[in-house]
Structure formats: structure tokens, C-alpha cells
């Protein structure tokens, strides 16, 4: 199966997506999914950036410094603990606000912010993976 994305403007075709997904899950994907943070779940620490490296995050010194300066300003206990598909509009708004705040920090884009926040909400994504694997 091929995956085509680009919205009909500058389409890119990725071939053999099934094989790529299987290879990814065996090589690094499950390492990221299985990793449980060792830092407290209620606060963001520079160490929380490390796990994102497993899935090709390009974190650098600016992101580290941003977390040092701003990590304590996020009340992670306010993040919804449900999976995205089980969340309501208000919960998605809360998550979006967190992402927007983090992407205003030097060294952060949406990709890094969502990867870091995802690992600080261990129950939400894990329940989604468990349900997907069972079906």
C-alpha cells in the first residue's frame, strides 16, 4: 500500500507503508511507546526531552534551556488524561493551549511539544495502543 500526502499540490508518495511501519515498530517505535517517564508527571523537566530522540526529534540546547526556564510554569495536572479520540472539545482545547504555550518557547515546535506532553500523560496513549492491538 502506498501513502500519498500533499493535498494534490506537491504530492509525496511513500511506498510499502506496511513494511515501513513494521520495521519502525521493531527498530525504535516500541521503545518510545513503552518508555515510562522517571520524572514526576506534574512538572516538565529537561530530562523529559530525552525520550523524544527515539523518534527523531531534533531537540537541542535551546529546548533544554526553555524547559529549565519555563517547565515549572506548566501545570501538567491540568492536562486531560484521556486519549485524543475519547476527549471532548474542552479537553482538546486545554491540550492545544499547552502546545501553543510550549511552541512559543525557543527550540520548540509542535512536534517536540506533542511528543513531550504525550509522555507526561502515560495512560492516554497507552490505552489507545492497547485497544488498537486488540482489534
Foldseek 3Di string as FASTA:
>chain_A
DWDWDDPPPDIDIDPPVVVVVVVLCVPQVVVLLVDADPDQLQWDALVLLVSVVSVPDDADPQLNVQCVVCGRVDGLVPQDLAAPVPDDPVNVVVLVVQLVVSCVGPRDDSSSSVSSSCNSNSRHVVVVVVVVVVD
